[in-house]
Amino acid sequence: MNLVIKRGLLILSVTSAMAATFSSTVVAEPEVNQKYYCKGSYGNKDDQGVWDWIFTASSEQEARKQAQEQYKVDGPNPFVNIRKCTLQK
């Protein structure tokens, strides 16, 4: 079994020496960013509101992290609540 990494792709080459020679290659694609539709609320003690946005991220967790950063506010008792993030197809 040979394992080769070229240009960010993992290439696995398998050769078997049974009755006939068998060879195959498996290529793992690089991680692709996808679009997540997220919505929730944000604010502080003095003011609050709702939001929705489409984030480009590699996972739902990453989309939630981006939402926390984008909607964080200053002031007393700030909060960002993320109600849900849905992968867009």
Foldseek 3Di string as FASTA:
>chain_A
DDWDADPNKIWDWDWDDDPDIDIDIDIDDHQAWFKKWWKWKWDAPVDIDIDIDIDTGSDQVVVVVVQCVVRFDDDHGIDTDIPDIGTDD
